[in-house]
Amino acid sequence: MKTISAFILLIYWSIIIFAPVMSKDIKFSRAKTNNIKIVEQKPRS
C-alpha cells in the first residue's frame, strides 16, 4: 500500500511541477502558428 501511495504522490508532484512548463510550450506553439501565413490551395481544374 505504501508503494502505491508513493507512486501516486510522484505522479501528482510531476503534474504540479510540469503543468506550468507545458502550458508555456502550448502558448508559444499557438503564437507560432498564428504568425504563419496560411497559403490557400488553388482549386484543381
Protein backbone atom coordinates (compact mmCIF):
# COMPACT_ATOMS: atom_id res chain seq x y z
CA MET A 1 0.00 0.00 0.00
CA LYS A 2 2.88 2.38 0.76
CA THR A 3 4.41 1.83 -2.67
CA ILE A 4 1.11 2.63 -4.39
CA SER A 5 0.66 5.85 -2.40
CA ALA A 6 4.26 6.85 -3.09
CA PHE A 7 3.71 6.24 -6.82
CA ILE A 8 0.55 8.38 -6.79
CA LEU A 9 2.41 11.14 -4.96
CA LEU A 10 5.19 11.03 -7.59
CA ILE A 11 2.65 11.40 -10.39
CA TYR A 12 0.89 14.22 -8.51
CA TRP A 13 4.07 16.23 -7.93
CA SER A 14 5.30 15.70 -11.50
CA ILE A 15 2.00 17.13 -12.78
CA ILE A 16 2.26 20.06 -10.37
CA ILE A 17 5.84 20.81 -11.49
CA PHE A 18 5.44 20.25 -15.24
CA ALA A 19 1.97 21.79 -15.79
CA PRO A 20 3.25 25.44 -15.94
CA VAL A 21 6.09 24.41 -18.27
CA MET A 22 3.71 22.57 -20.60
CA SER A 23 1.26 25.49 -20.66
CA LYS A 24 4.09 27.84 -21.66
CA ASP A 25 5.07 25.49 -24.51
CA ILE A 26 1.46 25.34 -25.70
CA LYS A 27 1.18 29.14 -25.65
CA PHE A 28 4.41 29.52 -27.64
CA SER A 29 3.28 26.95 -30.22
CA ARG A 30 -0.06 28.75 -30.60
CA ALA A 31 1.73 32.06 -31.13
CA LYS A 32 3.98 30.49 -33.77
CA THR A 33 1.02 29.02 -35.67
CA ASN A 34 -0.76 32.37 -35.59
CA ASN A 35 2.25 34.11 -37.17
CA ILE A 36 2.50 31.61 -40.03
CA LYS A 37 0.55 32.74 -43.09
CA ILE A 38 -1.85 30.12 -44.37
CA VAL A 39 -1.37 29.55 -48.08
CA GLU A 40 -4.64 28.95 -49.89
CA GLN A 41 -4.71 25.94 -52.17
CA LYS A 42 -5.74 26.67 -55.74
CA PRO A 43 -8.73 24.63 -56.89
CA ARG A 44 -7.83 21.89 -59.36
CA SER A 45 -9.34 22.33 -62.81
